[in-house]
Amino acid sequence: MSQPNGAEVLLDILNGYAVEAIFSSPGSEWPPLWEALARRADAGEPAPAYYNARHEDLAIGQAMGYARATGKLGVCLVHATVGTLHAAMGIRAAYHEQIPLLVLAGESVSFGEGADAWVGAQWGRFLADHGGPARLVDSICKSSFGLNTPTVLAGAVHRACALAMGAPQGPVFLSLPFEHLHQPAVLPAPARYANPSTPRPERAALEQAAAWLKAARNPLIIVENAARTAGEAARLVQLAERLGAGVVEGQHPGFVNFPREHPLHAGFYAQPYMKDVDAVLMLEAPGPWYPPTAMTPPGARLIAVAQDPLRGRDPYSGFTADLIIQGDAMAAVDVLLERLPSATAGAEQRTAAWGERSTGRRAQWREQALQHAGATPIDARFLCHELNACLPDDAVIVDETILTHHTLINVMDRLKPGHFINALSGGLGLGIGMALGAAVGLPDALPVVFVGDGTYNYNPGLAALGFSQQYGVGLLTVIFNNGHYRSMQMGTEFLYPTGVAVARQHHVSSPIAPNPDYGQLAVMFGGHGEKVDDPAQIRAAVGRAVAAVREGRPAILDVRIGDEVAFLAKVFGG
């Protein structure tokens, strides 16, 4: 082979960082990369698998879901500033959720002048924007840089991969001009590759934390995003059992951090326990309770452990602590286990008390679900109860619901560590992509995504179905269809309970009508789809959909559910 061009060097670096997949919704600036991938495939040389996502929202979601599911670097390619704008919501979400991504946008620095004029008039007319793509996302990623010379291509890409994987993890954005990829590389790929190690928390601070937890009469653990794998969750179980501490997962846990059938699982809302606790260990818990100031426990020692405990680039947090420990949360758990080698005083009695509460809470949700087993529209609690019972053990669930999120995390107590990813991050439209990315990263799992009908309309549904069909990646999409944007309507009802909108039931923001049969979309792409409005048919419908997914086909279950607001208001004390 003659002197490699910039695209070949890019692939060498991705290989060096063991990147397995590139998710892309590309444009006219990427032919050098496509040719390099084709040449390597023809020569039997290593390169990441390339997936054409058909839409930037899908591509960025896939890179996020892949990284969330595997713990590896996700890579996404987009098209100039226009593609960057589409992907920006996902980049922002990855930044706030600390998901490691390398996001590459193409651009041109010659604008079609000179030897590279063939790139097209669009670069001078439609695709060139002041400041370039990197400027657009500077505030929502760890680092953003538009390459200004081919000399720095190898070093910039190499650093970007390591920076994305460094603590706290997050997205790094590079704008790579077409010309730098097409022309002979100035410098080769570096010879050495290493991801930065995650800083370990300060031992002296953890020894103080251990002393406070050992002396506590009523300790509590709050965790949201610390235990991604089953092994990590098992270590957290050990710590909780030695302390006899209830474990609250937070209202929006990123994973199943703690087995939900365990007697020490204390649910998802810390507020009921705030008056009585005297020590609280918060592990990667950016939102342990709400409101931040009003709900702070008055008589407790507060210990916060996180890679970025102060959330340095968030505009506001409001949470305080007596001990703030920066570093890897699971490394902190390991030190605490070392400092607390056996059960603390009163742990057995506390465990028994938490067990009664846990059993009662789960039984109450189950009883409510069964009490509404025959309701039509289908009661969301009963739907979650049935899904909890019949989804196979290898299911990996990606959740992008809003109201139903609270129902399913409470009812679906069979969810196991390593089998759940929360896709809700402030904006809607990433969940289906995240589920497909998880499916690529975990080929032996059964991928399932939960969305509301409003959320489904935000997702690039046709692009996702086309991806499933093209690559044979099955996905079960369960639509919790209540026929409107219910969470939007809630604000009007809360602020103006006697207003005209409530009195006349004239909610201009919420209806999704007429309500189509979403399942037929899957049929158009060679998949399985059906509308489910009979609660007695849920399990059979799930069985048919799962069979299609195992064949590598998409499946959509459009399940017609009723209103959840009344019973959720009771959960939150409304």
Protein backbone atom coordinates (compact mmCIF):
# COMPACT_ATOMS: atom_id res chain seq x y z
CA MET A 1 0.00 0.00 0.00
CA SER A 2 1.22 3.52 -0.80
CA GLN A 3 1.43 6.18 1.86
CA PRO A 4 -1.79 6.02 3.92
CA ASN A 5 -4.21 8.90 3.81
CA GLY A 6 -5.91 10.49 6.81
CA ALA A 7 -8.84 8.04 6.69
CA GLU A 8 -6.48 5.07 7.04
CA VAL A 9 -4.79 6.70 10.02
CA LEU A 10 -8.21 7.32 11.58
CA LEU A 11 -9.03 3.60 11.29
CA ASP A 12 -5.62 2.64 12.69
CA ILE A 13 -6.33 4.72 15.79
CA LEU A 14 -9.82 3.30 16.24
CA ASN A 15 -8.32 -0.18 16.00
CA GLY A 16 -5.74 0.81 18.59
CA TYR A 17 -8.52 1.72 21.02
CA ALA A 18 -10.34 -1.55 20.25
CA VAL A 19 -13.32 0.25 18.71
CA GLU A 20 -15.68 -2.39 17.32
CA ALA A 21 -18.48 -0.34 15.76
CA ILE A 22 -19.01 2.94 13.95
CA PHE A 23 -22.58 4.26 13.84
CA SER A 24 -23.12 6.79 11.11
CA SER A 25 -25.56 8.99 9.29
CA PRO A 26 -23.00 10.48 6.91
CA GLY A 27 -22.74 12.93 4.05
CA SER A 28 -20.62 13.72 1.03
CA GLU A 29 -17.41 14.29 3.00
CA TRP A 30 -16.79 10.67 4.02
CA PRO A 31 -15.80 8.83 0.76
CA PRO A 32 -12.16 8.52 1.92
CA LEU A 33 -13.31 6.57 4.98
CA TRP A 34 -15.70 4.40 2.96
CA GLU A 35 -12.92 3.51 0.51
CA ALA A 36 -10.55 2.72 3.39
CA LEU A 37 -13.15 0.41 4.95
CA ALA A 38 -13.79 -1.31 1.61
CA ARG A 39 -10.06 -1.76 0.98
CA ARG A 40 -9.55 -3.29 4.43
CA ALA A 41 -12.47 -5.65 4.02
CA ASP A 42 -11.10 -6.75 0.65
CA ALA A 43 -7.60 -7.26 2.10
CA GLY A 44 -8.83 -8.97 5.27
CA GLU A 45 -7.40 -6.22 7.46
CA PRO A 46 -8.99 -5.20 10.77
CA ALA A 47 -11.45 -2.34 10.99
CA PRO A 48 -14.54 -1.51 13.04
CA ALA A 49 -17.91 -2.65 11.72
CA TYR A 50 -19.71 0.20 9.99
CA TYR A 51 -23.46 0.70 10.52
CA ASN A 52 -25.47 3.11 8.39
CA ALA A 53 -28.16 4.43 10.70
CA ARG A 54 -30.13 6.52 8.13
CA HIS A 55 -30.67 9.36 10.63
CA GLU A 56 -28.41 11.29 13.00
CA ASP A 57 -30.74 10.89 15.97
CA LEU A 58 -30.61 7.13 15.47
CA ALA A 59 -26.83 7.05 14.99
CA ILE A 60 -26.03 9.05 18.11
CA GLY A 61 -28.54 7.01 20.11
CA GLN A 62 -26.96 3.80 18.87
CA ALA A 63 -23.48 4.94 19.90
CA MET A 64 -24.87 5.87 23.33
CA GLY A 65 -26.70 2.57 23.80
CA TYR A 66 -23.67 0.59 22.67
CA ALA A 67 -21.44 2.41 25.16
CA ARG A 68 -23.99 2.08 27.98
CA ALA A 69 -24.46 -1.63 27.39
CA THR A 70 -20.80 -2.59 26.93
CA GLY A 71 -18.79 0.05 28.81
CA LYS A 72 -16.77 0.60 25.61
CA LEU A 73 -16.21 3.74 23.54
CA GLY A 74 -19.10 4.58 21.22
CA VAL A 75 -18.24 6.19 17.88
CA CYS A 76 -20.63 8.23 15.76
CA LEU A 77 -20.12 9.98 12.39
CA VAL A 78 -22.40 12.81 11.27
CA HIS A 79 -22.66 15.21 8.35
CA ALA A 80 -21.19 18.69 8.74
CA THR A 81 -23.07 21.29 10.79
CA VAL A 82 -26.49 20.07 9.70
CA GLY A 83 -25.86 16.55 10.99
CA THR A 84 -24.27 17.95 14.13
CA LEU A 85 -27.43 19.92 14.87
CA HIS A 86 -29.52 16.75 14.59
CA ALA A 87 -27.12 14.85 16.85
CA ALA A 88 -26.75 17.66 19.38
CA MET A 89 -29.53 16.41 21.68
CA GLY A 90 -27.77 13.06 21.97
CA ILE A 91 -24.39 14.69 22.52
CA ARG A 92 -25.92 16.77 25.31
CA ALA A 93 -27.52 13.69 26.87
CA ALA A 94 -24.23 11.77 26.73
CA TYR A 95 -22.51 14.69 28.43
CA HIS A 96 -24.96 14.86 31.32
CA GLU A 97 -25.16 11.06 31.65
CA GLN A 98 -21.36 10.61 31.36
CA ILE A 99 -21.46 8.26 28.36
CA PRO A 100 -18.13 7.93 26.50
CA LEU A 101 -18.47 8.90 22.84
CA LEU A 102 -16.24 10.00 20.00
CA VAL A 103 -18.38 12.10 17.67
CA LEU A 104 -16.87 12.99 14.30
CA ALA A 105 -18.35 15.54 11.90
CA GLY A 106 -17.05 16.18 8.43
CA GLU A 107 -16.49 19.56 6.84
CA SER A 108 -14.47 21.18 4.07
CA VAL A 109 -11.67 23.70 4.33
CA SER A 110 -11.24 24.26 0.59
CA PHE A 111 -14.94 24.85 -0.18
CA GLY A 112 -14.53 23.18 -3.56
CA GLU A 113 -11.68 25.36 -4.77
CA GLY A 114 -8.61 23.86 -6.42
CA ALA A 115 -7.83 20.16 -6.73
CA ASP A 116 -10.71 19.10 -4.49
CA ALA A 117 -13.39 21.00 -6.39
CA TRP A 118 -15.35 17.78 -6.96
CA VAL A 119 -16.61 17.81 -3.38
CA GLY A 120 -19.42 19.93 -4.72
CA ALA A 121 -20.99 23.36 -4.73
CA GLN A 122 -22.97 22.48 -1.62
CA TRP A 123 -19.89 23.22 0.50
CA GLY A 124 -19.85 26.81 -0.55
CA ARG A 125 -23.61 27.23 -0.68
CA PHE A 126 -25.36 25.05 1.90
CA LEU A 127 -22.98 23.26 4.29
CA ALA A 128 -20.44 25.83 5.46
CA ASP A 129 -21.38 27.70 8.64
CA HIS A 130 -19.50 30.32 10.58
CA GLY A 131 -17.26 28.65 13.15
CA GLY A 132 -17.89 25.13 11.80
CA PRO A 133 -19.50 22.14 13.54
CA ALA A 134 -17.20 22.11 16.57
CA ARG A 135 -18.42 25.52 17.69
CA LEU A 136 -22.04 24.34 17.84
CA VAL A 137 -21.49 21.74 20.57
CA ASP A 138 -18.71 23.31 22.61
CA SER A 139 -20.90 23.74 25.70
CA ILE A 140 -22.34 20.21 25.70
CA CYS A 141 -19.28 17.98 25.46
CA LYS A 142 -15.98 17.42 27.25
CA SER A 143 -13.94 18.84 24.38
CA SER A 144 -14.66 20.18 20.94
CA PHE A 145 -12.10 20.89 18.23
CA GLY A 146 -12.14 21.57 14.50
CA LEU A 147 -8.90 20.34 12.94
CA ASN A 148 -7.05 23.29 11.42
CA THR A 149 -4.17 21.36 9.83
CA PRO A 150 -3.62 17.75 8.70
CA THR A 151 -0.52 17.65 10.86
CA VAL A 152 -2.61 17.22 14.03
CA LEU A 153 -5.10 14.62 12.75
CA ALA A 154 -3.42 11.59 14.32
CA GLY A 155 -2.74 13.30 17.65
CA ALA A 156 -6.20 14.86 17.91
CA VAL A 157 -8.10 11.62 17.23
CA HIS A 158 -5.82 9.66 19.56
CA ARG A 159 -6.34 12.15 22.39
CA ALA A 160 -10.09 12.37 21.77
CA CYS A 161 -10.58 8.62 22.28
CA ALA A 162 -8.66 8.66 25.57
CA LEU A 163 -10.36 11.84 26.73
CA ALA A 164 -13.84 10.40 26.14
CA MET A 165 -12.97 7.34 28.25
CA GLY A 166 -11.33 9.38 31.02
CA ALA A 167 -13.20 10.24 34.21
CA PRO A 168 -15.78 11.58 34.17
CA GLN A 169 -16.57 9.93 30.87
CA GLY A 170 -18.43 11.84 28.19
CA PRO A 171 -18.61 12.87 24.54
CA VAL A 172 -15.65 14.39 22.69
CA PHE A 173 -16.28 16.08 19.36
CA LEU A 174 -13.93 16.48 16.42
CA SER A 175 -14.57 18.14 13.09
CA LEU A 176 -12.47 16.38 10.42
CA PRO A 177 -12.17 18.18 7.07
CA PHE A 178 -12.65 15.97 4.04
CA GLU A 179 -9.35 17.19 2.64
CA HIS A 180 -7.40 15.91 5.68
CA LEU A 181 -8.95 12.46 5.27
CA HIS A 182 -8.39 12.32 1.49
CA GLN A 183 -4.82 13.55 1.32
CA PRO A 184 -1.72 11.57 2.37
CA ALA A 185 -1.34 11.59 6.12
CA VAL A 186 1.33 13.86 7.56
CA LEU A 187 1.87 11.70 10.64
CA PRO A 188 1.07 8.01 11.21
CA ALA A 189 -1.10 6.63 13.97
CA PRO A 190 0.67 6.65 17.36
CA ALA A 191 2.22 3.41 18.54
CA ARG A 192 0.86 3.41 22.13
CA TYR A 193 -2.74 3.18 23.36
CA ALA A 194 -4.12 3.38 26.87
CA ASN A 195 -7.35 4.61 28.40
CA PRO A 196 -6.82 6.77 31.49
CA SER A 197 -7.40 4.99 34.77
CA THR A 198 -10.29 6.29 36.84
CA PRO A 199 -9.02 8.28 39.87
CA ARG A 200 -9.42 6.37 43.10
CA PRO A 201 -11.17 8.19 45.95
CA GLU A 202 -9.09 9.48 48.84
CA ARG A 203 -8.64 6.75 51.43
CA ALA A 204 -8.65 9.04 54.46
CA ALA A 205 -12.03 10.44 53.46
CA LEU A 206 -13.42 6.93 53.02
CA GLU A 207 -12.13 5.93 56.44
CA GLN A 208 -14.11 8.85 57.89
CA ALA A 209 -17.15 7.75 55.89
CA ALA A 210 -16.78 4.20 57.19
CA ALA A 211 -16.65 5.47 60.77
CA TRP A 212 -19.85 7.48 60.32
CA LEU A 213 -21.65 4.57 58.64
CA LYS A 214 -20.51 2.10 61.32
CA ALA A 215 -21.82 4.37 64.09
CA ALA A 216 -25.13 5.08 62.35
CA ARG A 217 -28.32 3.75 63.84
CA ASN A 218 -30.27 4.21 60.60
CA PRO A 219 -27.99 4.44 57.53
CA LEU A 220 -29.30 4.83 53.99
CA ILE A 221 -27.63 4.35 50.60
CA ILE A 222 -28.81 6.26 47.53
CA VAL A 223 -27.45 5.14 44.16
CA GLU A 224 -28.37 6.07 40.59
CA ASN A 225 -25.53 5.36 38.18
CA ALA A 226 -22.83 3.40 40.01
CA ALA A 227 -23.44 -0.30 39.34
CA ARG A 228 -23.73 -1.04 35.61
CA THR A 229 -22.92 -4.75 35.84
CA ALA A 230 -24.15 -7.68 37.92
CA GLY A 231 -20.74 -7.95 39.57
CA GLU A 232 -20.78 -4.33 40.68
CA ALA A 233 -24.32 -4.70 42.01
CA ALA A 234 -23.21 -7.76 44.02
CA ARG A 235 -20.49 -5.73 45.75
CA LEU A 236 -23.04 -3.06 46.63
CA VAL A 237 -25.29 -5.76 48.09
CA GLN A 238 -22.43 -6.84 50.36
CA LEU A 239 -21.99 -3.31 51.68
CA ALA A 240 -25.71 -2.79 52.26
CA GLU A 241 -26.01 -6.10 54.12
CA ARG A 242 -23.09 -5.31 56.43
CA LEU A 243 -24.67 -1.96 57.27
CA GLY A 244 -28.28 -3.12 57.32
CA ALA A 245 -28.88 -0.07 55.14
CA GLY A 246 -31.82 0.42 52.85
CA VAL A 247 -30.85 1.17 49.24
CA VAL A 248 -32.83 3.77 47.30
CA GLU A 249 -32.10 3.80 43.58
CA GLY A 250 -33.31 7.33 42.90
CA GLN A 251 -36.21 8.37 40.71
CA HIS A 252 -34.26 7.90 37.47
CA PRO A 253 -31.67 5.14 37.95
CA GLY A 254 -29.50 4.64 34.92
CA PHE A 255 -29.24 0.90 35.58
CA VAL A 256 -30.52 -1.75 37.95
CA ASN A 257 -27.93 -0.83 40.56
CA PHE A 258 -29.34 -3.16 43.20
CA PRO A 259 -31.51 -6.30 42.84
CA ARG A 260 -35.08 -5.18 43.29
CA GLU A 261 -36.28 -8.34 44.99
CA HIS A 262 -33.65 -7.94 47.72
CA PRO A 263 -35.10 -7.10 51.17
CA LEU A 264 -32.84 -4.03 51.44
CA HIS A 265 -34.15 -2.47 48.22
CA ALA A 266 -35.93 0.63 49.50
CA GLY A 267 -37.59 1.74 46.30
CA PHE A 268 -36.91 4.85 44.27
CA TYR A 269 -37.91 7.81 46.44
CA ALA A 270 -35.79 8.85 49.39
CA GLN A 271 -38.25 11.44 50.68
CA PRO A 272 -40.17 9.14 53.08
CA TYR A 273 -36.97 8.28 54.96
CA MET A 274 -35.41 11.72 55.30
CA LYS A 275 -36.68 12.47 58.82
CA ASP A 276 -35.23 9.33 60.37
CA VAL A 277 -31.88 8.65 58.70
CA ASP A 278 -28.65 9.63 60.44
CA ALA A 279 -26.13 8.77 57.70
CA VAL A 280 -26.64 8.84 53.92
CA LEU A 281 -24.14 7.41 51.45
CA MET A 282 -24.78 8.79 47.95
CA LEU A 283 -23.08 6.89 45.10
CA GLU A 284 -23.20 8.60 41.71
CA ALA A 285 -26.52 10.10 42.74
CA PRO A 286 -26.86 13.51 41.07
CA GLY A 287 -30.52 13.83 42.12
CA PRO A 288 -30.94 11.95 45.40
CA TRP A 289 -34.11 13.80 46.44
CA TYR A 290 -36.27 16.70 45.40
CA PRO A 291 -36.48 19.60 46.11
CA PRO A 292 -32.73 19.74 46.89
CA THR A 293 -32.76 22.14 49.83
CA ALA A 294 -36.18 21.52 51.35
CA MET A 295 -35.74 17.75 51.52
CA THR A 296 -32.18 17.65 52.89
CA PRO A 297 -32.29 15.38 55.97
CA PRO A 298 -31.79 17.64 59.01
CA GLY A 299 -29.96 15.24 61.32
CA ALA A 300 -27.87 13.08 59.00
CA ARG A 301 -24.25 12.92 57.95
CA LEU A 302 -24.23 13.18 54.16
CA ILE A 303 -21.50 11.46 52.15
CA ALA A 304 -21.34 12.04 48.37
CA VAL A 305 -19.10 9.88 46.17
CA ALA A 306 -18.88 10.50 42.44
CA GLN A 307 -16.41 11.12 39.65
CA ASP A 308 -17.81 14.65 39.36
CA PRO A 309 -19.61 15.18 42.67
CA LEU A 310 -20.18 18.91 42.19
CA ARG A 311 -21.44 18.53 38.59
CA GLY A 312 -19.06 21.30 37.61
CA ARG A 313 -20.67 22.35 34.33
CA ASP A 314 -24.29 22.11 35.46
CA PRO A 315 -25.78 25.56 36.04
CA TYR A 316 -27.25 24.55 39.41
CA SER A 317 -27.35 21.61 41.78
CA GLY A 318 -28.42 22.67 45.28
CA PHE A 319 -27.29 19.45 46.97
CA THR A 320 -24.85 19.66 49.86
CA ALA A 321 -22.87 17.09 51.84
CA ASP A 322 -20.67 16.79 54.91
CA LEU A 323 -18.12 14.73 53.02
CA ILE A 324 -17.55 15.07 49.26
CA ILE A 325 -15.35 12.34 47.82
CA GLN A 326 -14.22 12.50 44.21
CA GLY A 327 -13.40 9.26 42.43
CA ASP A 328 -14.75 5.92 41.30
CA ALA A 329 -17.84 4.98 43.31
CA MET A 330 -17.28 1.24 43.10
CA ALA A 331 -13.68 1.66 44.23
CA ALA A 332 -15.14 3.51 47.21
CA VAL A 333 -17.47 0.57 47.86
CA ASP A 334 -14.47 -1.76 47.89
CA VAL A 335 -12.63 0.37 50.48
CA LEU A 336 -15.76 0.59 52.63
CA LEU A 337 -16.08 -3.21 52.48
CA GLU A 338 -12.50 -3.47 53.65
CA ARG A 339 -13.12 -1.02 56.51
CA LEU A 340 -16.40 -2.71 57.43
CA PRO A 341 -15.44 -6.41 57.27
CA SER A 342 -18.47 -7.65 59.21
CA ALA A 343 -22.01 -6.67 60.07
CA THR A 344 -22.32 -3.48 62.09
CA ALA A 345 -24.30 -3.24 65.32
CA GLY A 346 -28.03 -3.51 64.66
CA ALA A 347 -27.61 -4.53 61.00
CA GLU A 348 -29.69 -7.69 61.37
CA GLN A 349 -32.61 -5.84 62.96
CA ARG A 350 -32.46 -3.06 60.38
CA THR A 351 -32.40 -5.58 57.54
CA ALA A 352 -35.49 -7.25 58.93
CA ALA A 353 -37.30 -3.91 59.16
CA TRP A 354 -36.30 -2.90 55.63
CA GLY A 355 -37.37 -6.34 54.41
CA GLU A 356 -40.88 -5.85 55.76
CA ARG A 357 -41.13 -2.46 54.07
CA SER A 358 -39.76 -3.84 50.79
CA THR A 359 -42.11 -6.81 50.78
CA GLY A 360 -45.06 -4.59 51.61
CA ARG A 361 -44.25 -2.00 48.95
CA ARG A 362 -43.81 -4.58 46.21
CA ALA A 363 -46.92 -6.47 47.29
CA GLN A 364 -48.97 -3.29 47.20
CA TRP A 365 -47.94 -2.54 43.61
CA ARG A 366 -48.62 -6.15 42.63
CA GLU A 367 -52.04 -6.18 44.27
CA GLN A 368 -53.01 -2.92 42.57
CA ALA A 369 -51.93 -4.35 39.23
CA LEU A 370 -54.02 -7.50 39.72
CA GLN A 371 -57.02 -5.51 40.94
CA HIS A 372 -57.05 -3.81 37.53
CA ALA A 373 -56.33 -6.94 35.48
CA GLY A 374 -59.54 -6.65 33.48
CA ALA A 375 -59.53 -2.89 32.92
CA THR A 376 -59.79 -1.42 29.44
CA PRO A 377 -57.99 0.62 28.36
CA ILE A 378 -55.30 -1.58 29.87
CA ASP A 379 -54.05 -0.43 33.26
CA ALA A 380 -50.33 0.42 33.06
CA ARG A 381 -49.69 -1.41 36.33
CA PHE A 382 -51.17 -4.60 34.95
CA LEU A 383 -49.26 -4.25 31.67
CA CYS A 384 -45.99 -3.91 33.61
CA HIS A 385 -47.00 -6.87 35.81
CA GLU A 386 -47.50 -9.02 32.72
CA LEU A 387 -44.26 -7.85 31.11
CA ASN A 388 -42.48 -8.57 34.39
CA ALA A 389 -43.81 -12.12 34.27
CA CYS A 390 -43.35 -13.03 30.62
CA LEU A 391 -40.33 -11.23 29.20
CA PRO A 392 -37.47 -13.74 28.91
CA ASP A 393 -34.47 -13.65 31.22
CA ASP A 394 -32.13 -12.52 28.46
CA ALA A 395 -34.14 -9.36 27.78
CA VAL A 396 -32.24 -6.06 28.03
CA ILE A 397 -34.74 -3.26 28.49
CA VAL A 398 -34.16 0.33 27.41
CA ASP A 399 -36.72 2.68 28.94
CA GLU A 400 -37.70 6.02 27.41
CA THR A 401 -41.10 6.48 28.99
CA ILE A 402 -42.02 9.45 31.18
CA LEU A 403 -45.02 8.76 33.42
CA THR A 404 -44.87 5.02 32.87
CA HIS A 405 -41.23 5.02 34.00
CA HIS A 406 -42.38 5.30 37.62
CA THR A 407 -44.87 2.48 37.17
CA LEU A 408 -42.50 0.05 35.53
CA ILE A 409 -39.56 0.54 37.92
CA ASN A 410 -41.90 -0.20 40.83
CA VAL A 411 -43.79 -3.11 39.29
CA MET A 412 -41.05 -4.82 37.27
CA ASP A 413 -39.07 -6.12 40.22
CA ARG A 414 -37.60 -9.05 38.24
CA LEU A 415 -35.32 -6.69 36.33
CA LYS A 416 -31.74 -7.79 36.90
CA PRO A 417 -28.49 -5.82 37.08
CA GLY A 418 -27.02 -5.55 33.61
CA HIS A 419 -30.44 -5.82 31.96
CA PHE A 420 -31.80 -2.27 32.14
CA ILE A 421 -30.76 1.08 30.62
CA ASN A 422 -32.55 4.35 31.30
CA ALA A 423 -32.71 6.42 28.10
CA LEU A 424 -34.56 9.43 29.52
CA SER A 425 -32.28 12.46 29.58
CA GLY A 426 -34.35 15.61 29.17
CA GLY A 427 -35.06 15.24 25.46
CA LEU A 428 -37.04 12.52 23.70
CA GLY A 429 -36.08 10.54 20.63
CA LEU A 430 -32.98 8.55 21.62
CA GLY A 431 -34.44 5.41 23.18
CA ILE A 432 -34.95 3.29 20.07
CA GLY A 433 -31.46 4.11 18.83
CA MET A 434 -30.01 3.26 22.23
CA ALA A 435 -31.80 -0.08 22.19
CA LEU A 436 -30.43 -0.91 18.73
CA GLY A 437 -26.95 0.11 19.85
CA ALA A 438 -27.27 -2.14 22.89
CA ALA A 439 -28.40 -4.93 20.56
CA VAL A 440 -25.24 -4.54 18.47
CA GLY A 441 -23.07 -4.56 21.59
CA LEU A 442 -24.89 -7.47 23.24
CA PRO A 443 -25.76 -9.81 20.34
CA ASP A 444 -26.84 -12.64 22.67
CA ALA A 445 -29.45 -10.51 24.45
CA LEU A 446 -33.06 -9.85 23.51
CA PRO A 447 -33.36 -6.06 23.04
CA VAL A 448 -36.57 -4.38 24.22
CA VAL A 449 -37.42 -0.69 24.27
CA PHE A 450 -40.33 0.93 26.15
CA VAL A 451 -41.70 4.21 24.81
CA GLY A 452 -44.90 6.20 25.09
CA ASP A 453 -46.78 7.05 21.94
CA GLY A 454 -45.60 10.64 22.25
CA THR A 455 -42.02 9.47 22.66
CA TYR A 456 -42.34 7.16 19.66
CA ASN A 457 -43.26 10.14 17.52
CA TYR A 458 -40.03 11.86 18.56
CA ASN A 459 -37.92 8.82 17.64
CA PRO A 460 -36.75 8.20 14.04
CA GLY A 461 -39.06 5.20 13.77
CA LEU A 462 -38.76 4.53 10.02
CA ALA A 463 -34.96 4.77 10.10
CA ALA A 464 -34.87 2.35 13.03
CA LEU A 465 -37.10 -0.18 11.30
CA GLY A 466 -34.97 0.11 8.18
CA PHE A 467 -31.84 -0.50 10.24
CA SER A 468 -33.37 -3.61 11.77
CA GLN A 469 -34.34 -4.91 8.36
CA GLN A 470 -30.98 -4.12 6.73
CA TYR A 471 -28.74 -5.60 9.42
CA GLY A 472 -31.02 -8.30 10.81
CA VAL A 473 -30.97 -6.74 14.27
CA GLY A 474 -34.30 -7.52 15.91
CA LEU A 475 -35.87 -5.14 18.41
CA LEU A 476 -39.10 -5.33 20.38
CA THR A 477 -40.69 -1.91 20.79
CA VAL A 478 -43.51 -1.72 23.34
CA ILE A 479 -45.54 1.47 22.94
CA PHE A 480 -47.42 2.50 26.08
CA ASN A 481 -50.10 4.29 24.09
CA ASN A 482 -52.41 6.62 26.02
CA GLY A 483 -53.28 8.73 22.97
CA HIS A 484 -51.72 11.98 24.12
CA TYR A 485 -48.77 13.80 25.67
CA ARG A 486 -50.07 13.28 29.20
CA SER A 487 -47.09 14.78 31.02
CA MET A 488 -47.61 18.05 29.13
CA GLN A 489 -51.25 18.17 30.12
CA MET A 490 -50.34 17.73 33.79
CA GLY A 491 -48.77 21.18 34.00
CA THR A 492 -51.96 22.90 32.92
CA GLU A 493 -54.02 20.84 35.37
CA PHE A 494 -51.65 21.63 38.25
CA LEU A 495 -51.32 25.39 37.63
CA TYR A 496 -54.88 26.08 36.44
CA PRO A 497 -57.15 23.47 38.08
CA THR A 498 -60.22 25.68 37.63
CA GLY A 499 -59.18 27.11 34.29
CA VAL A 500 -60.91 26.85 30.95
CA ALA A 501 -58.60 24.14 29.63
CA VAL A 502 -59.59 21.77 32.47
CA ALA A 503 -63.25 22.77 32.57
CA ARG A 504 -63.75 22.35 28.81
CA GLN A 505 -61.15 19.56 28.42
CA HIS A 506 -59.53 21.72 25.78
CA HIS A 507 -55.87 20.77 26.07
CA VAL A 508 -54.31 22.13 22.92
CA SER A 509 -50.85 20.70 23.68
CA SER A 510 -51.56 17.06 24.38
CA PRO A 511 -53.77 15.09 21.94
CA ILE A 512 -52.21 12.63 19.49
CA ALA A 513 -55.20 12.00 17.28
CA PRO A 514 -56.29 10.20 15.26
CA ASN A 515 -54.46 7.38 16.98
CA PRO A 516 -52.84 5.18 14.29
CA ASP A 517 -52.04 1.47 14.48
CA TYR A 518 -48.30 1.78 15.01
CA GLY A 519 -47.73 -1.96 14.75
CA GLN A 520 -48.37 -1.87 11.00
CA LEU A 521 -45.14 0.10 10.55
CA ALA A 522 -43.15 -2.97 11.57
CA VAL A 523 -45.07 -5.11 9.07
CA MET A 524 -43.99 -2.74 6.29
CA PHE A 525 -40.37 -3.60 7.10
CA GLY A 526 -40.81 -7.35 7.24
CA GLY A 527 -41.45 -7.42 10.97
CA HIS A 528 -44.27 -8.22 13.36
CA GLY A 529 -46.75 -5.69 14.69
CA GLU A 530 -50.05 -5.72 16.49
CA LYS A 531 -52.35 -3.54 18.51
CA VAL A 532 -53.07 -4.87 22.00
CA ASP A 533 -56.21 -3.61 23.74
CA ASP A 534 -57.32 -6.78 25.56
CA PRO A 535 -55.40 -7.32 28.83
CA ALA A 536 -55.92 -11.07 28.54
CA GLN A 537 -53.89 -11.10 25.31
CA ILE A 538 -50.73 -9.36 26.58
CA ARG A 539 -48.66 -12.49 27.22
CA ALA A 540 -49.57 -14.12 23.92
CA ALA A 541 -48.76 -10.93 22.03
CA VAL A 542 -45.39 -10.67 23.77
CA GLY A 543 -44.65 -14.27 22.82
CA ARG A 544 -45.33 -13.60 19.15
CA ALA A 545 -43.24 -10.43 19.20
CA VAL A 546 -40.31 -12.12 20.96
CA ALA A 547 -40.32 -14.89 18.36
CA ALA A 548 -39.99 -12.30 15.58
CA VAL A 549 -37.13 -10.53 17.35
CA ARG A 550 -35.25 -13.80 17.79
CA GLU A 551 -35.48 -14.18 14.00
CA GLY A 552 -33.73 -10.81 13.61
CA ARG A 553 -36.91 -8.91 12.72
CA PRO A 554 -38.41 -5.77 14.28
CA ALA A 555 -41.58 -6.07 16.34
CA ILE A 556 -43.93 -3.39 17.63
CA LEU A 557 -46.62 -3.94 20.27
CA ASP A 558 -48.97 -0.96 20.33
CA VAL A 559 -50.58 -1.36 23.75
CA ARG A 560 -53.54 0.90 24.54
CA ILE A 561 -53.30 2.00 28.18
CA GLY A 562 -55.37 4.23 30.44
CA ASP A 563 -54.47 7.32 32.45
CA GLU A 564 -51.75 6.89 35.10
CA VAL A 565 -51.90 10.33 36.68
CA ALA A 566 -54.37 9.53 39.45
CA PHE A 567 -52.46 6.64 40.98
CA LEU A 568 -49.04 8.23 40.42
CA ALA A 569 -50.24 11.32 42.28
CA LYS A 570 -50.71 9.09 45.32
CA VAL A 571 -47.15 7.77 44.94
CA PHE A 572 -45.81 11.31 45.09
CA GLY A 573 -48.21 12.43 47.80
CA GLY A 574 -50.34 14.51 45.48
